[in-house]
Amino acid sequence: MHKYLYEILVALENEQGKFKGFEIFVCTNYNFDIVLVPDNVFTKETIKYIEFRLKLHKSFSIKKLPATIQSDIKMPLGHWLNEWLLNSIYGDTSESKSSNN
């Protein structure tokens, strides 16, 4: 697996103030990009918590959240970014594509 760093730039919301995902800056040794991580990556409970925090303040530091919430954000985010990075380097590596050959 290739190593990368990421930083959450902003939480994305729709017109009604519902959380829609994160805009993430991703950097590898050879490349950098800004990606949009959709809300469906996270559990409904995590989304509700993020929306609650965004209503309190338009920006928040994940490092200042409780450890369980940090984990509920970072774990699925990391899995999604791993898949995104693999797909951006090697193309679509999903099971459905390989099983259709």
Protein backbone atom coordinates (compact mmCIF):
# COMPACT_ATOMS: atom_id res chain seq x y z
CA MET A 1 0.00 0.00 0.00
CA HIS A 2 1.20 3.46 -0.81
CA LYS A 3 1.64 5.89 2.03
CA TYR A 4 -0.29 9.13 2.07
CA LEU A 5 -1.21 12.04 4.28
CA TYR A 6 -4.56 13.75 4.40
CA GLU A 7 -6.15 16.80 5.92
CA ILE A 8 -9.85 17.51 6.23
CA LEU A 9 -10.39 20.90 4.64
CA VAL A 10 -14.10 21.42 5.22
CA ALA A 11 -17.31 19.64 6.09
CA LEU A 12 -19.81 19.84 3.22
CA GLU A 13 -23.45 20.65 3.88
CA ASN A 14 -26.53 21.00 1.68
CA GLU A 15 -28.88 23.99 1.75
CA GLN A 16 -30.77 22.56 4.74
CA GLY A 17 -27.59 22.20 6.77
CA LYS A 18 -27.40 18.42 6.41
CA PHE A 19 -23.90 16.93 6.35
CA LYS A 20 -22.97 15.69 2.87
CA GLY A 21 -19.33 14.69 3.35
CA PHE A 22 -15.83 16.06 3.71
CA GLU A 23 -13.50 17.82 1.31
CA ILE A 24 -10.08 16.23 1.86
CA PHE A 25 -6.59 17.21 0.73
CA VAL A 26 -4.61 14.02 0.00
CA CYS A 27 -0.87 13.95 -0.61
CA THR A 28 1.41 11.05 -1.61
CA ASN A 29 5.11 11.07 -2.45
CA TYR A 30 4.25 11.68 -6.10
CA ASN A 31 0.88 13.38 -6.23
CA PHE A 32 -1.69 15.47 -4.41
CA ASP A 33 -5.40 15.98 -4.92
CA ILE A 34 -8.56 17.26 -3.30
CA VAL A 35 -11.26 14.61 -3.00
CA LEU A 36 -14.85 14.68 -1.81
CA VAL A 37 -15.66 11.91 0.65
CA PRO A 38 -19.44 11.29 0.66
CA ASP A 39 -21.56 11.08 3.79
CA ASN A 40 -22.55 7.45 3.09
CA VAL A 41 -19.08 6.41 4.29
CA PHE A 42 -20.14 7.14 7.88
CA THR A 43 -22.78 5.62 10.14
CA LYS A 44 -26.06 7.45 10.73
CA GLU A 45 -25.05 8.09 14.34
CA THR A 46 -21.75 9.65 13.28
CA ILE A 47 -23.52 11.83 10.71
CA LYS A 48 -25.98 13.02 13.38
CA TYR A 49 -23.10 13.90 15.69
CA ILE A 50 -21.24 15.78 12.93
CA GLU A 51 -24.43 17.72 12.10
CA PHE A 52 -24.89 18.54 15.79
CA ARG A 53 -21.32 19.87 16.02
CA LEU A 54 -21.71 21.87 12.81
CA LYS A 55 -24.83 23.54 14.21
CA LEU A 56 -22.83 24.61 17.25
CA HIS A 57 -19.92 25.91 15.20
CA LYS A 58 -19.28 25.85 11.43
CA SER A 59 -15.83 24.36 11.93
CA PHE A 60 -14.52 21.92 14.49
CA SER A 61 -11.30 20.07 15.10
CA ILE A 62 -11.62 16.31 15.01
CA LYS A 63 -8.68 16.13 17.42
CA LYS A 64 -10.82 17.84 20.06
CA LEU A 65 -13.71 15.38 19.76
CA PRO A 66 -14.13 12.38 22.07
CA ALA A 67 -11.91 9.43 21.15
CA THR A 68 -14.86 7.23 20.10
CA ILE A 69 -16.15 9.91 17.71
CA GLN A 70 -12.65 10.44 16.31
CA SER A 71 -12.46 6.74 15.61
CA ASP A 72 -15.96 6.72 14.05
CA ILE A 73 -14.77 9.40 11.62
CA LYS A 74 -11.16 8.36 10.99
CA MET A 75 -11.66 4.62 10.46
CA PRO A 76 -14.22 4.77 7.62
CA LEU A 77 -12.46 7.82 6.19
CA GLY A 78 -9.17 5.89 6.10
CA HIS A 79 -10.81 2.88 4.42
CA TRP A 80 -12.44 5.11 1.81
CA LEU A 81 -9.16 6.94 1.11
CA ASN A 82 -7.29 3.62 0.79
CA GLU A 83 -9.78 2.48 -1.87
CA TRP A 84 -9.68 5.85 -3.61
CA LEU A 85 -5.89 5.77 -3.74
CA LEU A 86 -5.82 2.22 -5.11
CA ASN A 87 -8.37 3.14 -7.78
CA SER A 88 -6.51 6.30 -8.74
CA ILE A 89 -3.23 4.40 -9.14
CA TYR A 90 -4.40 1.04 -10.52
CA GLY A 91 -7.85 1.81 -11.90
CA ASP A 92 -11.07 0.13 -10.77
CA THR A 93 -10.05 -2.79 -8.55
CA SER A 94 -13.55 -3.70 -7.39
CA GLU A 95 -14.71 -7.30 -7.21
CA SER A 96 -17.59 -6.72 -9.65
CA LYS A 97 -15.24 -5.62 -12.43
CA SER A 98 -12.88 -8.57 -12.02
CA SER A 99 -15.74 -11.07 -11.81
CA ASN A 100 -17.19 -9.84 -15.13
CA ASN A 101 -14.04 -10.80 -17.08
